[in-house]
């Protein structure tokens, strides 16, 4: 199914942009940059394309194509809007309101690569066809916190806004990374996900998924009409990170169900044995009656 999605979306592997860094030179391009909230992106301000610091920035960009987007500006007016100083680089995490300025300047290629490698897992990230495999393989100790929400649906939009609030308040937690999936982006996978996870994707959902065996545990919402508050989501996420909520508990429940099934099977077997014994006794009685009748006939 995943392969079908890749084929449908015409996604290739090893994709490289013509240029590893896109240059922003005016206010219109800057507005387009600001709207890219789903992407990990960096932007730096440099003196010119001939700058050795820009060259280091470009070489670092080549190592993260096509998953992380790099931008640069050589215009003072654009840099002023971004509050960037010369040779300074800002790192934008998806869905965060403010960027992080990478410490130190000027930055070498090694400095940039080290920082990006350490911070490249976002607190909230969207599963997209072009990088779905890389995202899914980037699990934390074998699990993902997964949220399903349709952005075009009113409930889905509201739930997504709550997720963003929770992510912004907890971005300091290194082990927190929520994968947001918009079911509308993967119509071929909806039946598979609903069958595997046993959830209704017409409603917002959030749960823990084991990437090895696809076991999952989902947040139970007391009222189907009301979405969880940001505080309720934070409390649940805290339970996940502490291990209080995990997919192994679901395995225990399944084992109990299996044991119950085994007990039922044993009871059925015992009942069958009793029935067989009763049938055998009846057959023996019938045989004795037949023998008595034969003896009477011989006497006559």
C-alpha atoms as a PDB file:
ATOM      1  CA  UNK A   1       0.000   0.000   0.000  1.00  0.00           C
ATOM      2  CA  UNK A   2       2.803   2.389   0.818  1.00  0.00           C
ATOM      3  CA  UNK A   3       4.381   1.594  -2.538  1.00  0.00           C
ATOM      4  CA  UNK A   4       1.079   2.399  -4.247  1.00  0.00           C
ATOM      5  CA  UNK A   5       1.038   5.773  -2.526  1.00  0.00           C
ATOM      6  CA  UNK A   6       4.568   6.492  -3.696  1.00  0.00           C
ATOM      7  CA  UNK A   7       3.644   5.498  -7.251  1.00  0.00           C
ATOM      8  CA  UNK A   8       0.438   7.551  -7.230  1.00  0.00           C
ATOM      9  CA  UNK A   9       2.201  10.651  -5.950  1.00  0.00           C
ATOM     10  CA  UNK A  10       5.018  10.134  -8.496  1.00  0.00           C
ATOM     11  CA  UNK A  11       7.606  10.184  -5.743  1.00  0.00           C
ATOM     12  CA  UNK A  12      11.180   9.230  -6.521  1.00  0.00           C
ATOM     13  CA  UNK A  13      14.076   8.304  -4.270  1.00  0.00           C
ATOM     14  CA  UNK A  14      17.324  10.189  -3.920  1.00  0.00           C
ATOM     15  CA  UNK A  15      15.609  13.381  -5.051  1.00  0.00           C
ATOM     16  CA  UNK A  16      17.878  16.409  -5.246  1.00  0.00           C
ATOM     17  CA  UNK A  17      16.958  20.006  -5.947  1.00  0.00           C
ATOM     18  CA  UNK A  18      18.850  21.790  -8.709  1.00  0.00           C
ATOM     19  CA  UNK A  19      20.256  24.117  -6.092  1.00  0.00           C
ATOM     20  CA  UNK A  20      20.698  23.052  -2.454  1.00  0.00           C
ATOM     21  CA  UNK A  21      19.954  26.611  -1.267  1.00  0.00           C
ATOM     22  CA  UNK A  22      17.093  28.829  -2.423  1.00  0.00           C
ATOM     23  CA  UNK A  23      17.780  32.552  -2.369  1.00  0.00           C
ATOM     24  CA  UNK A  24      15.157  34.959  -0.999  1.00  0.00           C
ATOM     25  CA  UNK A  25      15.480  38.413  -2.472  1.00  0.00           C
ATOM     26  CA  UNK A  26      12.225  40.263  -1.857  1.00  0.00           C
ATOM     27  CA  UNK A  27       9.153  40.583   0.370  1.00  0.00           C
ATOM     28  CA  UNK A  28       6.987  38.333  -1.827  1.00  0.00           C
ATOM     29  CA  UNK A  29       9.439  35.440  -1.552  1.00  0.00           C
ATOM     30  CA  UNK A  30       9.705  36.085   2.168  1.00  0.00           C
ATOM     31  CA  UNK A  31       5.926  35.719   2.592  1.00  0.00           C
ATOM     32  CA  UNK A  32       6.084  32.379   0.788  1.00  0.00           C
ATOM     33  CA  UNK A  33       8.873  31.320   3.158  1.00  0.00           C
ATOM     34  CA  UNK A  34       6.759  32.269   6.182  1.00  0.00           C
ATOM     35  CA  UNK A  35       3.917  30.019   5.023  1.00  0.00           C
ATOM     36  CA  UNK A  36       6.083  26.886   5.034  1.00  0.00           C
ATOM     37  CA  UNK A  37       5.169  25.901   8.578  1.00  0.00           C
ATOM     38  CA  UNK A  38       5.197  22.139   7.875  1.00  0.00           C
ATOM     39  CA  UNK A  39       8.874  22.094   6.855  1.00  0.00           C
ATOM     40  CA  UNK A  40      12.136  22.018   8.727  1.00  0.00           C
ATOM     41  CA  UNK A  41      13.980  24.959   7.227  1.00  0.00           C
ATOM     42  CA  UNK A  42      17.004  27.145   7.770  1.00  0.00           C
ATOM     43  CA  UNK A  43      17.768  30.636   6.544  1.00  0.00           C
ATOM     44  CA  UNK A  44      21.012  32.542   6.726  1.00  0.00           C
ATOM     45  CA  UNK A  45      22.108  36.070   5.925  1.00  0.00           C
ATOM     46  CA  UNK A  46      25.376  36.398   4.033  1.00  0.00           C
ATOM     47  CA  UNK A  47      27.333  39.161   2.321  1.00  0.00           C
ATOM     48  CA  UNK A  48      27.274  37.561  -1.129  1.00  0.00           C
ATOM     49  CA  UNK A  49      27.315  34.274  -3.001  1.00  0.00           C
ATOM     50  CA  UNK A  50      31.104  34.457  -2.956  1.00  0.00           C
ATOM     51  CA  UNK A  51      31.213  34.480   0.850  1.00  0.00           C
ATOM     52  CA  UNK A  52      33.096  31.562   2.368  1.00  0.00           C
ATOM     53  CA  UNK A  53      30.428  31.367   5.077  1.00  0.00           C
ATOM     54  CA  UNK A  54      27.712  31.016   2.444  1.00  0.00           C
ATOM     55  CA  UNK A  55      29.781  28.291   0.804  1.00  0.00           C
ATOM     56  CA  UNK A  56      29.906  26.372   4.107  1.00  0.00           C
ATOM     57  CA  UNK A  57      26.133  26.821   4.429  1.00  0.00           C
ATOM     58  CA  UNK A  58      25.613  25.449   0.915  1.00  0.00           C
ATOM     59  CA  UNK A  59      27.841  22.437   1.536  1.00  0.00           C
ATOM     60  CA  UNK A  60      25.887  21.613   4.696  1.00  0.00           C
ATOM     61  CA  UNK A  61      22.635  21.901   2.739  1.00  0.00           C
ATOM     62  CA  UNK A  62      23.765  19.236   0.275  1.00  0.00           C
ATOM     63  CA  UNK A  63      23.943  16.697   3.097  1.00  0.00           C
ATOM     64  CA  UNK A  64      20.274  17.067   4.046  1.00  0.00           C
ATOM     65  CA  UNK A  65      18.561  17.158   0.668  1.00  0.00           C
ATOM     66  CA  UNK A  66      15.676  16.836   0.005  1.00  0.00           C
ATOM     67  CA  UNK A  67      14.296  16.553   3.531  1.00  0.00           C
ATOM     68  CA  UNK A  68      15.446  19.852   5.031  1.00  0.00           C
ATOM     69  CA  UNK A  69      15.103  23.122   3.143  1.00  0.00           C
ATOM     70  CA  UNK A  70      17.843  25.749   3.135  1.00  0.00           C
ATOM     71  CA  UNK A  71      17.340  29.410   2.281  1.00  0.00           C
ATOM     72  CA  UNK A  72      19.670  32.374   2.157  1.00  0.00           C
ATOM     73  CA  UNK A  73      19.389  36.095   1.621  1.00  0.00           C
ATOM     74  CA  UNK A  74      21.921  38.727   0.638  1.00  0.00           C
ATOM     75  CA  UNK A  75      19.477  41.612   1.070  1.00  0.00           C
ATOM     76  CA  UNK A  76      19.603  43.829   4.155  1.00  0.00           C
ATOM     77  CA  UNK A  77      15.867  44.553   3.964  1.00  0.00           C
ATOM     78  CA  UNK A  78      14.985  40.843   4.075  1.00  0.00           C
ATOM     79  CA  UNK A  79      17.491  40.200   6.854  1.00  0.00           C
ATOM     80  CA  UNK A  80      15.981  43.055   8.848  1.00  0.00           C
ATOM     81  CA  UNK A  81      12.498  41.497   8.589  1.00  0.00           C
ATOM     82  CA  UNK A  82      13.964  38.224   9.854  1.00  0.00           C
ATOM     83  CA  UNK A  83      16.065  40.006  12.524  1.00  0.00           C
ATOM     84  CA  UNK A  84      19.130  38.244  11.127  1.00  0.00           C
ATOM     85  CA  UNK A  85      22.628  39.585  11.522  1.00  0.00           C
ATOM     86  CA  UNK A  86      25.393  39.003   9.013  1.00  0.00           C
ATOM     87  CA  UNK A  87      26.505  35.323   8.858  1.00  0.00           C
ATOM     88  CA  UNK A  88      23.746  34.344  11.288  1.00  0.00           C
ATOM     89  CA  UNK A  89      21.515  31.293  10.642  1.00  0.00           C
ATOM     90  CA  UNK A  90      18.028  30.627  12.038  1.00  0.00           C
ATOM     91  CA  UNK A  91      16.574  27.126  12.392  1.00  0.00           C
ATOM     92  CA  UNK A  92      12.795  26.740  12.014  1.00  0.00           C
ATOM     93  CA  UNK A  93      11.107  23.716  13.545  1.00  0.00           C
ATOM     94  CA  UNK A  94       7.737  22.756  11.995  1.00  0.00           C
ATOM     95  CA  UNK A  95       4.693  24.465  13.541  1.00  0.00           C
ATOM     96  CA  UNK A  96       6.776  26.534  15.957  1.00  0.00           C
ATOM     97  CA  UNK A  97       6.066  30.262  16.113  1.00  0.00           C
ATOM     98  CA  UNK A  98       9.655  31.399  16.571  1.00  0.00           C
ATOM     99  CA  UNK A  99      12.938  30.112  15.117  1.00  0.00           C
ATOM    100  CA  UNK A 100      16.071  29.204  17.034  1.00  0.00           C
ATOM    101  CA  UNK A 101      19.267  31.044  16.172  1.00  0.00           C
ATOM    102  CA  UNK A 102      22.088  28.538  15.795  1.00  0.00           C
ATOM    103  CA  UNK A 103      24.741  29.454  18.392  1.00  0.00           C
ATOM    104  CA  UNK A 104      28.015  30.892  17.199  1.00  0.00           C
ATOM    105  CA  UNK A 105      28.974  32.771  14.091  1.00  0.00           C
ATOM    106  CA  UNK A 106      30.393  32.499  11.606  1.00  0.00           C
ATOM    107  CA  UNK A 107      29.335  28.869  11.338  1.00  0.00           C
ATOM    108  CA  UNK A 108      31.384  26.168   9.671  1.00  0.00           C
ATOM    109  CA  UNK A 109      29.889  23.280   7.718  1.00  0.00           C
ATOM    110  CA  UNK A 110      30.627  20.990  10.678  1.00  0.00           C
ATOM    111  CA  UNK A 111      28.859  23.349  13.106  1.00  0.00           C
ATOM    112  CA  UNK A 112      25.746  23.378  10.958  1.00  0.00           C
ATOM    113  CA  UNK A 113      25.680  19.619  10.395  1.00  0.00           C
ATOM    114  CA  UNK A 114      26.130  18.927  14.103  1.00  0.00           C
ATOM    115  CA  UNK A 115      23.306  21.264  15.140  1.00  0.00           C
ATOM    116  CA  UNK A 116      20.879  20.040  12.475  1.00  0.00           C
ATOM    117  CA  UNK A 117      21.573  16.388  13.243  1.00  0.00           C
ATOM    118  CA  UNK A 118      20.835  16.994  16.917  1.00  0.00           C
ATOM    119  CA  UNK A 119      17.632  18.977  16.310  1.00  0.00           C
ATOM    120  CA  UNK A 120      16.214  17.495  13.127  1.00  0.00           C
ATOM    121  CA  UNK A 121      13.474  15.449  14.872  1.00  0.00           C
ATOM    122  CA  UNK A 122      10.584  17.902  15.344  1.00  0.00           C
ATOM    123  CA  UNK A 123       8.199  17.893  18.293  1.00  0.00           C
ATOM    124  CA  UNK A 124       5.309  17.805  15.807  1.00  0.00           C
ATOM    125  CA  UNK A 125       5.791  16.684  12.224  1.00  0.00           C
ATOM    126  CA  UNK A 126       3.483  15.863   9.368  1.00  0.00           C
ATOM    127  CA  UNK A 127       3.700  12.540   7.547  1.00  0.00           C
ATOM    128  CA  UNK A 128       4.115  13.357   3.875  1.00  0.00           C
ATOM    129  CA  UNK A 129       4.397  11.113   0.846  1.00  0.00           C
ATOM    130  CA  UNK A 130       7.798  12.494  -0.118  1.00  0.00           C
ATOM    131  CA  UNK A 131       9.453  11.599   3.194  1.00  0.00           C
ATOM    132  CA  UNK A 132       7.057   9.083   4.761  1.00  0.00           C
ATOM    133  CA  UNK A 133       9.637   6.288   4.935  1.00  0.00           C
ATOM    134  CA  UNK A 134      12.287   8.435   6.610  1.00  0.00           C
ATOM    135  CA  UNK A 135       9.731   9.775   9.091  1.00  0.00           C
ATOM    136  CA  UNK A 136       8.372   6.346  10.006  1.00  0.00           C
ATOM    137  CA  UNK A 137      11.857   4.897  10.446  1.00  0.00           C
ATOM    138  CA  UNK A 138      12.763   7.734  12.827  1.00  0.00           C
ATOM    139  CA  UNK A 139      11.004   6.189  15.812  1.00  0.00           C
ATOM    140  CA  UNK A 140      11.839   6.659  19.487  1.00  0.00           C
ATOM    141  CA  UNK A 141      12.614   3.323  21.155  1.00  0.00           C
ATOM    142  CA  UNK A 142      10.375   1.479  18.726  1.00  0.00           C
ATOM    143  CA  UNK A 143       7.253   3.612  19.085  1.00  0.00           C
ATOM    144  CA  UNK A 144       5.561   6.604  17.511  1.00  0.00           C
ATOM    145  CA  UNK A 145       2.954   8.907  18.991  1.00  0.00           C
ATOM    146  CA  UNK A 146       0.555   9.199  16.060  1.00  0.00           C
ATOM    147  CA  UNK A 147      -2.264  11.699  15.619  1.00  0.00           C
ATOM    148  CA  UNK A 148      -4.860  11.412  12.869  1.00  0.00           C
ATOM    149  CA  UNK A 149      -6.699  14.627  11.968  1.00  0.00           C
ATOM    150  CA  UNK A 150      -8.211  15.963   8.748  1.00  0.00           C
ATOM    151  CA  UNK A 151      -7.132  19.576   8.423  1.00  0.00           C
ATOM    152  CA  UNK A 152     -10.147  20.461   6.259  1.00  0.00           C
ATOM    153  CA  UNK A 153     -12.584  19.020   8.811  1.00  0.00           C
ATOM    154  CA  UNK A 154     -13.699  21.427  11.602  1.00  0.00           C
ATOM    155  CA  UNK A 155     -12.994  18.912  14.378  1.00  0.00           C
ATOM    156  CA  UNK A 156      -9.737  17.893  12.738  1.00  0.00           C
ATOM    157  CA  UNK A 157      -8.619  21.505  12.426  1.00  0.00           C
ATOM    158  CA  UNK A 158      -9.462  22.209  16.070  1.00  0.00           C
ATOM    159  CA  UNK A 159      -7.617  19.073  17.203  1.00  0.00           C
ATOM    160  CA  UNK A 160      -4.578  20.059  15.136  1.00  0.00           C
ATOM    161  CA  UNK A 161      -4.509  23.489  16.752  1.00  0.00           C
ATOM    162  CA  UNK A 162      -4.556  21.806  20.173  1.00  0.00           C
ATOM    163  CA  UNK A 163      -1.666  19.576  19.073  1.00  0.00           C
ATOM    164  CA  UNK A 164       0.323  22.619  17.971  1.00  0.00           C
ATOM    165  CA  UNK A 165      -0.259  24.277  21.337  1.00  0.00           C
ATOM    166  CA  UNK A 166       0.905  21.164  23.187  1.00  0.00           C
ATOM    167  CA  UNK A 167       3.964  20.825  20.934  1.00  0.00           C
ATOM    168  CA  UNK A 168       4.962  24.469  21.452  1.00  0.00           C
ATOM    169  CA  UNK A 169       4.623  24.160  25.218  1.00  0.00           C
ATOM    170  CA  UNK A 170       6.671  20.947  25.325  1.00  0.00           C
ATOM    171  CA  UNK A 171       9.250  21.388  22.584  1.00  0.00           C
ATOM    172  CA  UNK A 172      11.965  21.193  25.246  1.00  0.00           C
ATOM    173  CA  UNK A 173      11.258  17.474  25.786  1.00  0.00           C
ATOM    174  CA  UNK A 174      13.810  15.518  23.707  1.00  0.00           C
ATOM    175  CA  UNK A 175      11.758  12.297  23.640  1.00  0.00           C
ATOM    176  CA  UNK A 176       8.540  13.923  22.452  1.00  0.00           C
ATOM    177  CA  UNK A 177       7.782  13.689  18.754  1.00  0.00           C
ATOM    178  CA  UNK A 178       4.228  13.481  17.434  1.00  0.00           C
ATOM    179  CA  UNK A 179       3.580  12.297  13.885  1.00  0.00           C
ATOM    180  CA  UNK A 180       0.504  14.007  12.460  1.00  0.00           C
ATOM    181  CA  UNK A 181      -1.237  12.151   9.632  1.00  0.00           C
ATOM    182  CA  UNK A 182      -3.944  13.778   7.547  1.00  0.00           C
ATOM    183  CA  UNK A 183      -5.974  10.807   6.219  1.00  0.00           C
ATOM    184  CA  UNK A 184      -6.979  12.868   3.177  1.00  0.00           C
ATOM    185  CA  UNK A 185      -3.347  12.747   2.030  1.00  0.00           C
ATOM    186  CA  UNK A 186      -3.332   8.924   1.980  1.00  0.00           C
ATOM    187  CA  UNK A 187      -6.745   7.690   0.775  1.00  0.00           C
ATOM    188  CA  UNK A 188      -5.349   4.285  -0.209  1.00  0.00           C
ATOM    189  CA  UNK A 189      -4.100   3.663   3.317  1.00  0.00           C
ATOM    190  CA  UNK A 190      -7.261   4.600   5.222  1.00  0.00           C
ATOM    191  CA  UNK A 191      -8.856   1.085   5.123  1.00  0.00           C
ATOM    192  CA  UNK A 192      -5.550  -0.501   6.157  1.00  0.00           C
ATOM    193  CA  UNK A 193      -5.014   1.905   9.051  1.00  0.00           C
ATOM    194  CA  UNK A 194      -8.585   1.528  10.308  1.00  0.00           C
ATOM    195  CA  UNK A 195      -8.331  -2.266  10.207  1.00  0.00           C
ATOM    196  CA  UNK A 196      -4.862  -2.407  11.769  1.00  0.00           C
ATOM    197  CA  UNK A 197      -5.393   0.184  14.509  1.00  0.00           C
ATOM    198  CA  UNK A 198      -9.140  -0.435  15.018  1.00  0.00           C
ATOM    199  CA  UNK A 199      -9.952   3.287  15.007  1.00  0.00           C
ATOM    200  CA  UNK A 200     -12.418   5.479  13.146  1.00  0.00           C
ATOM    201  CA  UNK A 201     -10.417   7.927  11.040  1.00  0.00           C
ATOM    202  CA  UNK A 202     -13.441  10.103  10.373  1.00  0.00           C
ATOM    203  CA  UNK A 203     -12.742  11.472  13.863  1.00  0.00           C
ATOM    204  CA  UNK A 204      -9.493  12.878  15.308  1.00  0.00           C
ATOM    205  CA  UNK A 205      -7.410  10.218  17.058  1.00  0.00           C
ATOM    206  CA  UNK A 206      -4.124  10.067  18.966  1.00  0.00           C
ATOM    207  CA  UNK A 207      -2.339   6.946  20.110  1.00  0.00           C
ATOM    208  CA  UNK A 208       0.916   5.067  20.598  1.00  0.00           C
ATOM    209  CA  UNK A 209       2.005   2.724  17.800  1.00  0.00           C
ATOM    210  CA  UNK A 210       4.664   0.017  18.029  1.00  0.00           C
ATOM    211  CA  UNK A 211       6.578   0.148  14.744  1.00  0.00           C
ATOM    212  CA  UNK A 212       7.592  -3.523  14.959  1.00  0.00           C
ATOM    213  CA  UNK A 213       4.240  -5.292  15.246  1.00  0.00           C
ATOM    214  CA  UNK A 214       1.786  -2.378  14.743  1.00  0.00           C
ATOM    215  CA  UNK A 215       0.289  -2.878  18.217  1.00  0.00           C
ATOM    216  CA  UNK A 216      -1.338   0.337  19.358  1.00  0.00           C
ATOM    217  CA  UNK A 217      -3.098   2.026  22.267  1.00  0.00           C
ATOM    218  CA  UNK A 218      -5.371   5.014  21.628  1.00  0.00           C
ATOM    219  CA  UNK A 219      -6.530   7.831  23.857  1.00  0.00           C
ATOM    220  CA  UNK A 220     -10.079   7.158  24.990  1.00  0.00           C
ATOM    221  CA  UNK A 221     -12.207  10.262  24.690  1.00  0.00           C
ATOM    222  CA  UNK A 222     -14.989  10.289  27.288  1.00  0.00           C
ATOM    223  CA  UNK A 223     -17.326  12.310  25.112  1.00  0.00           C
ATOM    224  CA  UNK A 224     -17.179  11.694  21.379  1.00  0.00           C
ATOM    225  CA  UNK A 225     -18.604  15.161  20.806  1.00  0.00           C
ATOM    226  CA  UNK A 226     -15.871  16.934  22.778  1.00  0.00           C
ATOM    227  CA  UNK A 227     -12.183  16.934  21.880  1.00  0.00           C
ATOM    228  CA  UNK A 228      -9.577  16.607  24.641  1.00  0.00           C
ATOM    229  CA  UNK A 229      -8.224  19.852  26.019  1.00  0.00           C
ATOM    230  CA  UNK A 230      -4.556  20.781  25.758  1.00  0.00           C
ATOM    231  CA  UNK A 231      -4.106  19.863  29.430  1.00  0.00           C
ATOM    232  CA  UNK A 232      -5.735  16.455  28.947  1.00  0.00           C
ATOM    233  CA  UNK A 233      -3.454  15.789  25.993  1.00  0.00           C
ATOM    234  CA  UNK A 234      -0.399  16.861  27.980  1.00  0.00           C
ATOM    235  CA  UNK A 235      -1.365  14.543  30.844  1.00  0.00           C
ATOM    236  CA  UNK A 236      -1.794  11.629  28.443  1.00  0.00           C
ATOM    237  CA  UNK A 237       1.518  12.354  26.700  1.00  0.00           C
ATOM    238  CA  UNK A 238       3.225  12.478  30.096  1.00  0.00           C
ATOM    239  CA  UNK A 239       1.841   8.996  30.807  1.00  0.00           C
ATOM    240  CA  UNK A 240       3.197   7.803  27.454  1.00  0.00           C
ATOM    241  CA  UNK A 241       6.676   9.207  28.059  1.00  0.00           C
ATOM    242  CA  UNK A 242       6.763   7.713  31.562  1.00  0.00           C
ATOM    243  CA  UNK A 243       5.742   4.284  30.240  1.00  0.00           C
ATOM    244  CA  UNK A 244       2.436   4.261  32.086  1.00  0.00           C
ATOM    245  CA  UNK A 245       0.660   4.047  28.723  1.00  0.00           C
ATOM    246  CA  UNK A 246       2.282   1.563  26.352  1.00  0.00           C
ATOM    247  CA  UNK A 247       1.464  -1.052  23.743  1.00  0.00           C
ATOM    248  CA  UNK A 248       2.609  -3.907  25.994  1.00  0.00           C
ATOM    249  CA  UNK A 249      -0.497  -3.392  28.141  1.00  0.00           C
ATOM    250  CA  UNK A 250      -2.523  -4.065  25.027  1.00  0.00           C
ATOM    251  CA  UNK A 251      -0.583  -7.316  24.549  1.00  0.00           C
ATOM    252  CA  UNK A 252      -1.523  -8.396  28.096  1.00  0.00           C
ATOM    253  CA  UNK A 253      -5.183  -7.785  27.330  1.00  0.00           C
ATOM    254  CA  UNK A 254      -4.875  -9.832  24.171  1.00  0.00           C
ATOM    255  CA  UNK A 255      -3.225 -12.649  26.130  1.00  0.00           C
ATOM    256  CA  UNK A 256      -6.096 -12.612  28.627  1.00  0.00           C
ATOM    257  CA  UNK A 257      -8.549 -12.838  25.760  1.00  0.00           C
ATOM    258  CA  UNK A 258      -6.598 -15.755  24.322  1.00  0.00           C
ATOM    259  CA  UNK A 259      -6.641 -17.503  27.711  1.00  0.00           C
ATOM    260  CA  UNK A 260     -10.396 -17.028  27.913  1.00  0.00           C
ATOM    261  CA  UNK A 261     -10.753 -18.497  24.462  1.00  0.00           C
ATOM    262  CA  UNK A 262      -8.601 -21.468  25.482  1.00  0.00           C
ATOM    263  CA  UNK A 263     -10.748 -22.028  28.573  1.00  0.00           C
ATOM    264  CA  UNK A 264     -13.859 -21.956  26.439  1.00  0.00           C
ATOM    265  CA  UNK A 265     -12.303 -24.484  24.089  1.00  0.00           C
ATOM    266  CA  UNK A 266     -11.410 -26.765  27.022  1.00  0.00           C
ATOM    267  CA  UNK A 267     -14.970 -26.560  28.344  1.00  0.00           C
ATOM    268  CA  UNK A 268     -16.304 -27.433  24.923  1.00  0.00           C
ATOM    269  CA  UNK A 269     -13.947 -30.413  24.735  1.00  0.00           C
ATOM    270  CA  UNK A 270     -15.092 -31.636  28.163  1.00  0.00           C
ATOM    271  CA  UNK A 271     -18.718 -31.341  27.115  1.00  0.00           C
ATOM    272  CA  UNK A 272     -17.983 -33.283  23.959  1.00  0.00           C
ATOM    273  CA  UNK A 273     -16.263 -36.034  25.995  1.00  0.00           C
ATOM    274  CA  UNK A 274     -19.248 -36.283  28.338  1.00  0.00           C
ATOM    275  CA  UNK A 275     -21.610 -36.535  25.401  1.00  0.00           C
ATOM    276  CA  UNK A 276     -19.474 -39.282  23.861  1.00  0.00           C
ATOM    277  CA  UNK A 277     -19.492 -41.261  27.124  1.00  0.00           C
ATOM    278  CA  UNK A 278     -23.272 -40.975  27.397  1.00  0.00           C
ATOM    279  CA  UNK A 279     -23.657 -42.138  23.819  1.00  0.00           C
ATOM    280  CA  UNK A 280     -21.399 -45.128  24.504  1.00  0.00           C
ATOM    281  CA  UNK A 281     -23.439 -46.084  27.603  1.00  0.00           C
ATOM    282  CA  UNK A 282     -26.636 -45.936  25.588  1.00  0.00           C
ATOM    283  CA  UNK A 283     -25.102 -48.143  22.925  1.00  0.00           C
ATOM    284  CA  UNK A 284     -24.028 -50.707  25.567  1.00  0.00           C
ATOM    285  CA  UNK A 285     -27.561 -50.811  27.014  1.00  0.00           C
ATOM    286  CA  UNK A 286     -29.011 -51.382  23.572  1.00  0.00           C
ATOM    287  CA  UNK A 287     -26.558 -54.235  22.970  1.00  0.00           C
ATOM    288  CA  UNK A 288     -27.531 -55.912  26.284  1.00  0.00           C
ATOM    289  CA  UNK A 289     -31.216 -55.720  25.390  1.00  0.00           C
ATOM    290  CA  UNK A 290     -30.520 -57.293  22.028  1.00  0.00           C
ATOM    291  CA  UNK A 291     -28.590 -60.168  23.694  1.00  0.00           C
ATOM    292  CA  UNK A 292     -31.488 -60.852  26.089  1.00  0.00           C
ATOM    293  CA  UNK A 293     -33.922 -61.030  23.206  1.00  0.00           C
ATOM    294  CA  UNK A 294     -31.682 -63.523  21.407  1.00  0.00           C
ATOM    295  CA  UNK A 295     -31.497 -65.769  24.512  1.00  0.00           C
ATOM    296  CA  UNK A 296     -35.296 -65.789  24.814  1.00  0.00           C
ATOM    297  CA  UNK A 297     -35.607 -66.850  21.207  1.00  0.00           C
ATOM    298  CA  UNK A 298     -33.163 -69.742  21.766  1.00  0.00           C
ATOM    299  CA  UNK A 299     -35.163 -70.989  24.794  1.00  0.00           C
ATOM    300  CA  UNK A 300     -38.335 -71.059  22.750  1.00  0.00           C
END
